[in-house]
Amino acid sequence: MILPAIVPALFFVVAAIPVQVLGCRTRGRVAGMIALAGLGAAIMGVKGRRRGDSDPGWWIVSSLILAIPAVAVIIIAYAG
């Protein structure tokens, strides 16, 4: 149950790191790779639901948390 919570936590850790530490490009790439892990989390949730696992909801919640920043970036890109 703790594994689906690790990826969103990593995303917020990277977001909290100042730009001067990693640089803008590296920080963006790491955040993008972590956000892509949301796709993997969604797949794990769907597979778990099909197998009848007891609680695949954590994977689905994890993917939703990771989708929020991706949608925000798209909105900001088109608004600017």
PDB file of N, CA and C in Angstrom:
ATOM      1  N   MET A   1       0.815  -1.186   0.000  1.00  0.00           N
ATOM      2  CA  MET A   1       0.000   0.000   0.000  1.00  0.00           C
ATOM      3  C   MET A   1       0.867   1.262   0.000  1.00  0.00           C
ATOM      4  N   ILE A   2       2.108   1.166   0.415  1.00  0.00           N
ATOM      5  CA  ILE A   2       2.957   2.356   0.464  1.00  0.00           C
ATOM      6  C   ILE A   2       3.565   2.680  -0.903  1.00  0.00           C
ATOM      7  N   LEU A   3       3.705   1.688  -1.755  1.00  0.00           N
ATOM      8  CA  LEU A   3       4.325   1.910  -3.069  1.00  0.00           C
ATOM      9  C   LEU A   3       3.604   2.943  -3.925  1.00  0.00           C
ATOM     10  N   PRO A   4       2.276   2.945  -4.023  1.00  0.00           N
ATOM     11  CA  PRO A   4       1.622   3.978  -4.836  1.00  0.00           C
ATOM     12  C   PRO A   4       1.792   5.387  -4.273  1.00  0.00           C
ATOM     13  N   ALA A   5       2.090   5.514  -3.006  1.00  0.00           N
ATOM     14  CA  ALA A   5       2.253   6.837  -2.404  1.00  0.00           C
ATOM     15  C   ALA A   5       3.651   7.406  -2.621  1.00  0.00           C
ATOM     16  N   ILE A   6       4.610   6.580  -2.996  1.00  0.00           N
ATOM     17  CA  ILE A   6       5.991   7.037  -3.154  1.00  0.00           C
ATOM     18  C   ILE A   6       6.139   7.967  -4.352  1.00  0.00           C
ATOM     19  N   VAL A   7       5.544   7.637  -5.473  1.00  0.00           N
ATOM     20  CA  VAL A   7       5.726   8.427  -6.692  1.00  0.00           C
ATOM     21  C   VAL A   7       5.158   9.845  -6.553  1.00  0.00           C
ATOM     22  N   PRO A   8       3.936  10.036  -6.048  1.00  0.00           N
ATOM     23  CA  PRO A   8       3.484  11.414  -5.839  1.00  0.00           C
ATOM     24  C   PRO A   8       4.353  12.172  -4.847  1.00  0.00           C
ATOM     25  N   ALA A   9       4.837  11.483  -3.820  1.00  0.00           N
ATOM     26  CA  ALA A   9       5.717  12.144  -2.854  1.00  0.00           C
ATOM     27  C   ALA A   9       7.008  12.596  -3.523  1.00  0.00           C
ATOM     28  N   LEU A  10       7.570  11.769  -4.408  1.00  0.00           N
ATOM     29  CA  LEU A  10       8.777  12.158  -5.144  1.00  0.00           C
ATOM     30  C   LEU A  10       8.525  13.376  -6.024  1.00  0.00           C
ATOM     31  N   PHE A  11       7.358  13.433  -6.636  1.00  0.00           N
ATOM     32  CA  PHE A  11       7.035  14.578  -7.484  1.00  0.00           C
ATOM     33  C   PHE A  11       7.047  15.867  -6.672  1.00  0.00           C
ATOM     34  N   PHE A  12       6.424  15.836  -5.500  1.00  0.00           N
ATOM     35  CA  PHE A  12       6.362  17.038  -4.681  1.00  0.00           C
ATOM     36  C   PHE A  12       7.728  17.384  -4.083  1.00  0.00           C
ATOM     37  N   VAL A  13       8.577  16.392  -3.847  1.00  0.00           N
ATOM     38  CA  VAL A  13       9.945  16.668  -3.393  1.00  0.00           C
ATOM     39  C   VAL A  13      10.711  17.398  -4.488  1.00  0.00           C
ATOM     40  N   VAL A  14      10.602  16.930  -5.717  1.00  0.00           N
ATOM     41  CA  VAL A  14      11.288  17.591  -6.831  1.00  0.00           C
ATOM     42  C   VAL A  14      10.740  18.996  -7.034  1.00  0.00           C
ATOM     43  N   ALA A  15       9.445  19.168  -6.877  1.00  0.00           N
ATOM     44  CA  ALA A  15       8.852  20.494  -7.035  1.00  0.00           C
ATOM     45  C   ALA A  15       9.323  21.451  -5.945  1.00  0.00           C
ATOM     46  N   ALA A  16       9.653  20.938  -4.778  1.00  0.00           N
ATOM     47  CA  ALA A  16      10.085  21.780  -3.671  1.00  0.00           C
ATOM     48  C   ALA A  16      11.571  22.140  -3.746  1.00  0.00           C
ATOM     49  N   ILE A  17      12.342  21.400  -4.546  1.00  0.00           N
ATOM     50  CA  ILE A  17      13.778  21.683  -4.668  1.00  0.00           C
ATOM     51  C   ILE A  17      13.966  22.972  -5.461  1.00  0.00           C
ATOM     52  N   PRO A  18      14.788  23.891  -4.958  1.00  0.00           N
ATOM     53  CA  PRO A  18      15.021  25.142  -5.693  1.00  0.00           C
ATOM     54  C   PRO A  18      15.656  24.899  -7.065  1.00  0.00           C
ATOM     55  N   VAL A  19      15.373  25.779  -7.994  1.00  0.00           N
ATOM     56  CA  VAL A  19      15.885  25.654  -9.358  1.00  0.00           C
ATOM     57  C   VAL A  19      17.413  25.673  -9.370  1.00  0.00           C
ATOM     58  N   GLN A  20      18.019  26.392  -8.455  1.00  0.00           N
ATOM     59  CA  GLN A  20      19.471  26.513  -8.425  1.00  0.00           C
ATOM     60  C   GLN A  20      20.165  25.188  -8.101  1.00  0.00           C
ATOM     61  N   VAL A  21      19.469  24.267  -7.472  1.00  0.00           N
ATOM     62  CA  VAL A  21      20.076  22.994  -7.086  1.00  0.00           C
ATOM     63  C   VAL A  21      20.214  22.066  -8.297  1.00  0.00           C
ATOM     64  N   LEU A  22      19.157  21.865  -9.034  1.00  0.00           N
ATOM     65  CA  LEU A  22      19.179  20.939 -10.169  1.00  0.00           C
ATOM     66  C   LEU A  22      19.249  21.632 -11.518  1.00  0.00           C
ATOM     67  N   GLY A  23      18.853  22.852 -11.580  1.00  0.00           N
ATOM     68  CA  GLY A  23      18.731  23.522 -12.866  1.00  0.00           C
ATOM     69  C   GLY A  23      17.331  23.320 -13.406  1.00  0.00           C
ATOM     70  N   CYS A  24      16.894  24.250 -14.186  1.00  0.00           N
ATOM     71  CA  CYS A  24      15.515  24.241 -14.667  1.00  0.00           C
ATOM     72  C   CYS A  24      15.243  23.042 -15.580  1.00  0.00           C
ATOM     73  N   ARG A  25      16.145  22.780 -16.506  1.00  0.00           N
ATOM     74  CA  ARG A  25      15.929  21.695 -17.471  1.00  0.00           C
ATOM     75  C   ARG A  25      15.918  20.329 -16.779  1.00  0.00           C
ATOM     76  N   THR A  26      16.890  20.085 -15.927  1.00  0.00           N
ATOM     77  CA  THR A  26      16.959  18.796 -15.239  1.00  0.00           C
ATOM     78  C   THR A  26      15.764  18.600 -14.328  1.00  0.00           C
ATOM     79  N   ARG A  27      15.395  19.643 -13.620  1.00  0.00           N
ATOM     80  CA  ARG A  27      14.247  19.571 -12.719  1.00  0.00           C
ATOM     81  C   ARG A  27      12.968  19.278 -13.496  1.00  0.00           C
ATOM     82  N   GLY A  28      12.815  19.905 -14.648  1.00  0.00           N
ATOM     83  CA  GLY A  28      11.642  19.653 -15.478  1.00  0.00           C
ATOM     84  C   GLY A  28      11.613  18.244 -16.033  1.00  0.00           C
ATOM     85  N   ARG A  29      12.771  17.760 -16.438  1.00  0.00           N
ATOM     86  CA  ARG A  29      12.825  16.387 -16.967  1.00  0.00           C
ATOM     87  C   ARG A  29      12.517  15.354 -15.898  1.00  0.00           C
ATOM     88  N   VAL A  30      13.074  15.554 -14.709  1.00  0.00           N
ATOM     89  CA  VAL A  30      12.796  14.614 -13.620  1.00  0.00           C
ATOM     90  C   VAL A  30      11.311  14.652 -13.267  1.00  0.00           C
ATOM     91  N   ALA A  31      10.738  15.846 -13.184  1.00  0.00           N
ATOM     92  CA  ALA A  31       9.310  15.962 -12.883  1.00  0.00           C
ATOM     93  C   ALA A  31       8.472  15.310 -13.980  1.00  0.00           C
ATOM     94  N   GLY A  32       8.883  15.467 -15.229  1.00  0.00           N
ATOM     95  CA  GLY A  32       8.162  14.838 -16.334  1.00  0.00           C
ATOM     96  C   GLY A  32       8.216  13.326 -16.277  1.00  0.00           C
ATOM     97  N   MET A  33       9.390  12.794 -15.946  1.00  0.00           N
ATOM     98  CA  MET A  33       9.509  11.332 -15.837  1.00  0.00           C
ATOM     99  C   MET A  33       8.660  10.798 -14.685  1.00  0.00           C
ATOM    100  N   ILE A  34       8.634  11.531 -13.593  1.00  0.00           N
ATOM    101  CA  ILE A  34       7.811  11.104 -12.466  1.00  0.00           C
ATOM    102  C   ILE A  34       6.328  11.182 -12.841  1.00  0.00           C
ATOM    103  N   ALA A  35       5.954  12.221 -13.567  1.00  0.00           N
ATOM    104  CA  ALA A  35       4.556  12.339 -13.992  1.00  0.00           C
ATOM    105  C   ALA A  35       4.173  11.218 -14.957  1.00  0.00           C
ATOM    106  N   LEU A  36       5.107  10.786 -15.788  1.00  0.00           N
ATOM    107  CA  LEU A  36       4.828   9.650 -16.670  1.00  0.00           C
ATOM    108  C   LEU A  36       4.623   8.360 -15.883  1.00  0.00           C
ATOM    109  N   ALA A  37       5.175   8.311 -14.696  1.00  0.00           N
ATOM    110  CA  ALA A  37       4.950   7.145 -13.848  1.00  0.00           C
ATOM    111  C   ALA A  37       3.471   7.031 -13.478  1.00  0.00           C
ATOM    112  N   GLY A  38       2.745   8.134 -13.596  1.00  0.00           N
ATOM    113  CA  GLY A  38       1.308   8.100 -13.356  1.00  0.00           C
ATOM    114  C   GLY A  38       0.590   7.185 -14.325  1.00  0.00           C
ATOM    115  N   LEU A  39       1.095   7.108 -15.548  1.00  0.00           N
ATOM    116  CA  LEU A  39       0.528   6.178 -16.516  1.00  0.00           C
ATOM    117  C   LEU A  39       0.726   4.743 -16.039  1.00  0.00           C
ATOM    118  N   GLY A  40       1.897   4.464 -15.530  1.00  0.00           N
ATOM    119  CA  GLY A  40       2.156   3.139 -14.972  1.00  0.00           C
ATOM    120  C   GLY A  40       1.267   2.837 -13.779  1.00  0.00           C
ATOM    121  N   ALA A  41       1.036   3.852 -12.951  1.00  0.00           N
ATOM    122  CA  ALA A  41       0.159   3.665 -11.791  1.00  0.00           C
ATOM    123  C   ALA A  41      -1.269   3.376 -12.234  1.00  0.00           C
ATOM    124  N   ALA A  42      -1.721   4.064 -13.273  1.00  0.00           N
ATOM    125  CA  ALA A  42      -3.074   3.809 -13.780  1.00  0.00           C
ATOM    126  C   ALA A  42      -3.186   2.391 -14.334  1.00  0.00           C
ATOM    127  N   ILE A  43      -2.163   1.939 -15.030  1.00  0.00           N
ATOM    128  CA  ILE A  43      -2.162   0.574 -15.572  1.00  0.00           C
ATOM    129  C   ILE A  43      -2.189  -0.446 -14.442  1.00  0.00           C
ATOM    130  N   MET A  44      -1.399  -0.186 -13.388  1.00  0.00           N
ATOM    131  CA  MET A  44      -1.398  -1.103 -12.246  1.00  0.00           C
ATOM    132  C   MET A  44      -2.778  -1.146 -11.575  1.00  0.00           C
ATOM    133  N   GLY A  45      -3.439  -0.009 -11.497  1.00  0.00           N
ATOM    134  CA  GLY A  45      -4.775   0.024 -10.906  1.00  0.00           C
ATOM    135  C   GLY A  45      -5.791  -0.757 -11.719  1.00  0.00           C
ATOM    136  N   VAL A  46      -5.727  -0.604 -13.043  1.00  0.00           N
ATOM    137  CA  VAL A  46      -6.657  -1.334 -13.909  1.00  0.00           C
ATOM    138  C   VAL A  46      -6.384  -2.833 -13.841  1.00  0.00           C
ATOM    139  N   LYS A  47      -5.109  -3.218 -13.859  1.00  0.00           N
ATOM    140  CA  LYS A  47      -4.776  -4.638 -13.754  1.00  0.00           C
ATOM    141  C   LYS A  47      -5.234  -5.213 -12.420  1.00  0.00           C
ATOM    142  N   GLY A  48      -5.035  -4.439 -11.357  1.00  0.00           N
ATOM    143  CA  GLY A  48      -5.462  -4.904 -10.037  1.00  0.00           C
ATOM    144  C   GLY A  48      -6.963  -5.072  -9.943  1.00  0.00           C
ATOM    145  N   ARG A  49      -7.689  -4.160 -10.559  1.00  0.00           N
ATOM    146  CA  ARG A  49      -9.152  -4.263 -10.544  1.00  0.00           C
ATOM    147  C   ARG A  49      -9.608  -5.490 -11.329  1.00  0.00           C
ATOM    148  N   ARG A  50      -8.947  -5.764 -12.455  1.00  0.00           N
ATOM    149  CA  ARG A  50      -9.321  -6.941 -13.262  1.00  0.00           C
ATOM    150  C   ARG A  50      -9.007  -8.244 -12.541  1.00  0.00           C
ATOM    151  N   ARG A  51      -7.896  -8.257 -11.775  1.00  0.00           N
ATOM    152  CA  ARG A  51      -7.522  -9.461 -11.042  1.00  0.00           C
ATOM    153  C   ARG A  51      -8.355  -9.644  -9.789  1.00  0.00           C
ATOM    154  N   GLY A  52      -9.046  -8.588  -9.376  1.00  0.00           N
ATOM    155  CA  GLY A  52      -9.858  -8.687  -8.173  1.00  0.00           C
ATOM    156  C   GLY A  52      -9.058  -8.430  -6.906  1.00  0.00           C
ATOM    157  N   ASP A  53      -7.972  -7.647  -6.996  1.00  0.00           N
ATOM    158  CA  ASP A  53      -7.203  -7.304  -5.802  1.00  0.00           C
ATOM    159  C   ASP A  53      -8.097  -6.586  -4.794  1.00  0.00           C
ATOM    160  N   SER A  54      -7.670  -6.624  -3.561  1.00  0.00           N
ATOM    161  CA  SER A  54      -8.495  -6.061  -2.503  1.00  0.00           C
ATOM    162  C   SER A  54      -8.571  -4.541  -2.547  1.00  0.00           C
ATOM    163  N   ASP A  55      -7.497  -3.852  -2.991  1.00  0.00           N
ATOM    164  CA  ASP A  55      -7.528  -2.393  -2.955  1.00  0.00           C
ATOM    165  C   ASP A  55      -6.697  -1.777  -4.088  1.00  0.00           C
ATOM    166  N   PRO A  56      -7.193  -1.814  -5.328  1.00  0.00           N
ATOM    167  CA  PRO A  56      -6.453  -1.175  -6.422  1.00  0.00           C
ATOM    168  C   PRO A  56      -6.662   0.343  -6.453  1.00  0.00           C
ATOM    169  N   GLY A  57      -7.487   0.857  -5.560  1.00  0.00           N
ATOM    170  CA  GLY A  57      -7.794   2.280  -5.533  1.00  0.00           C
ATOM    171  C   GLY A  57      -6.593   3.165  -5.269  1.00  0.00           C
ATOM    172  N   TRP A  58      -5.612   2.657  -4.519  1.00  0.00           N
ATOM    173  CA  TRP A  58      -4.410   3.451  -4.241  1.00  0.00           C
ATOM    174  C   TRP A  58      -3.664   3.780  -5.518  1.00  0.00           C
ATOM    175  N   TRP A  59      -3.612   2.835  -6.443  1.00  0.00           N
ATOM    176  CA  TRP A  59      -2.932   3.089  -7.717  1.00  0.00           C
ATOM    177  C   TRP A  59      -3.690   4.130  -8.528  1.00  0.00           C
ATOM    178  N   ILE A  60      -4.991   4.067  -8.497  1.00  0.00           N
ATOM    179  CA  ILE A  60      -5.806   5.023  -9.251  1.00  0.00           C
ATOM    180  C   ILE A  60      -5.679   6.418  -8.649  1.00  0.00           C
ATOM    181  N   VAL A  61      -5.704   6.520  -7.330  1.00  0.00           N
ATOM    182  CA  VAL A  61      -5.524   7.815  -6.665  1.00  0.00           C
ATOM    183  C   VAL A  61      -4.151   8.380  -6.977  1.00  0.00           C
ATOM    184  N   SER A  62      -3.142   7.517  -6.979  1.00  0.00           N
ATOM    185  CA  SER A  62      -1.784   7.949  -7.300  1.00  0.00           C
ATOM    186  C   SER A  62      -1.703   8.518  -8.712  1.00  0.00           C
ATOM    187  N   SER A  63      -2.353   7.867  -9.656  1.00  0.00           N
ATOM    188  CA  SER A  63      -2.314   8.366 -11.035  1.00  0.00           C
ATOM    189  C   SER A  63      -3.069   9.681 -11.168  1.00  0.00           C
ATOM    190  N   LEU A  64      -4.143   9.859 -10.413  1.00  0.00           N
ATOM    191  CA  LEU A  64      -4.877  11.130 -10.443  1.00  0.00           C
ATOM    192  C   LEU A  64      -4.039  12.269  -9.854  1.00  0.00           C
ATOM    193  N   ILE A  65      -3.321  11.993  -8.784  1.00  0.00           N
ATOM    194  CA  ILE A  65      -2.450  13.012  -8.192  1.00  0.00           C
ATOM    195  C   ILE A  65      -1.384  13.426  -9.186  1.00  0.00           C
ATOM    196  N   LEU A  66      -0.839  12.483  -9.925  1.00  0.00           N
ATOM    197  CA  LEU A  66       0.205  12.796 -10.894  1.00  0.00           C
ATOM    198  C   LEU A  66      -0.353  13.439 -12.161  1.00  0.00           C
ATOM    199  N   ALA A  67      -1.642  13.292 -12.414  1.00  0.00           N
ATOM    200  CA  ALA A  67      -2.236  13.930 -13.593  1.00  0.00           C
ATOM    201  C   ALA A  67      -2.475  15.414 -13.379  1.00  0.00           C
ATOM    202  N   ILE A  68      -2.665  15.831 -12.146  1.00  0.00           N
ATOM    203  CA  ILE A  68      -2.944  17.239 -11.860  1.00  0.00           C
ATOM    204  C   ILE A  68      -1.834  18.159 -12.351  1.00  0.00           C
ATOM    205  N   PRO A  69      -0.552  17.913 -12.027  1.00  0.00           N
ATOM    206  CA  PRO A  69       0.502  18.814 -12.537  1.00  0.00           C
ATOM    207  C   PRO A  69       0.628  18.782 -14.051  1.00  0.00           C
ATOM    208  N   ALA A  70       0.409  17.622 -14.659  1.00  0.00           N
ATOM    209  CA  ALA A  70       0.510  17.545 -16.115  1.00  0.00           C
ATOM    210  C   ALA A  70      -0.560  18.400 -16.778  1.00  0.00           C
ATOM    211  N   VAL A  71      -1.771  18.348 -16.273  1.00  0.00           N
ATOM    212  CA  VAL A  71      -2.851  19.173 -16.809  1.00  0.00           C
ATOM    213  C   VAL A  71      -2.563  20.650 -16.563  1.00  0.00           C
ATOM    214  N   ALA A  72      -2.019  20.968 -15.395  1.00  0.00           N
ATOM    215  CA  ALA A  72      -1.693  22.351 -15.077  1.00  0.00           C
ATOM    216  C   ALA A  72      -0.631  22.904 -16.029  1.00  0.00           C
ATOM    217  N   VAL A  73       0.363  22.098 -16.357  1.00  0.00           N
ATOM    218  CA  VAL A  73       1.400  22.538 -17.289  1.00  0.00           C
ATOM    219  C   VAL A  73       0.818  22.803 -18.669  1.00  0.00           C
ATOM    220  N   ILE A  74      -0.080  21.959 -19.118  1.00  0.00           N
ATOM    221  CA  ILE A  74      -0.720  22.143 -20.434  1.00  0.00           C
ATOM    222  C   ILE A  74      -1.559  23.415 -20.432  1.00  0.00           C
ATOM    223  N   ILE A  75      -2.297  23.653 -19.361  1.00  0.00           N
ATOM    224  CA  ILE A  75      -3.113  24.867 -19.285  1.00  0.00           C
ATOM    225  C   ILE A  75      -2.228  26.112 -19.286  1.00  0.00           C
ATOM    226  N   ILE A  76      -1.158  26.079 -18.510  1.00  0.00           N
ATOM    227  CA  ILE A  76      -0.236  27.222 -18.450  1.00  0.00           C
ATOM    228  C   ILE A  76       0.427  27.454 -19.814  1.00  0.00           C
ATOM    229  N   ALA A  77       0.763  26.384 -20.507  1.00  0.00           N
ATOM    230  CA  ALA A  77       1.428  26.523 -21.806  1.00  0.00           C
ATOM    231  C   ALA A  77       0.510  27.205 -22.827  1.00  0.00           C
ATOM    232  N   TYR A  78      -0.756  26.853 -22.810  1.00  0.00           N
ATOM    233  CA  TYR A  78      -1.676  27.442 -23.783  1.00  0.00           C
ATOM    234  C   TYR A  78      -2.174  28.815 -23.353  1.00  0.00           C
ATOM    235  N   ALA A  79      -2.170  29.096 -22.045  1.00  0.00           N
ATOM    236  CA  ALA A  79      -2.624  30.401 -21.572  1.00  0.00           C
ATOM    237  C   ALA A  79      -1.550  31.468 -21.763  1.00  0.00           C
ATOM    238  N   GLY A  80      -0.292  31.052 -21.757  1.00  0.00           N
ATOM    239  CA  GLY A  80       0.822  32.016 -21.844  1.00  0.00           C
ATOM    240  C   GLY A  80       1.133  32.296 -23.232  1.00  0.00           C
TER     241      GLY A  80
END
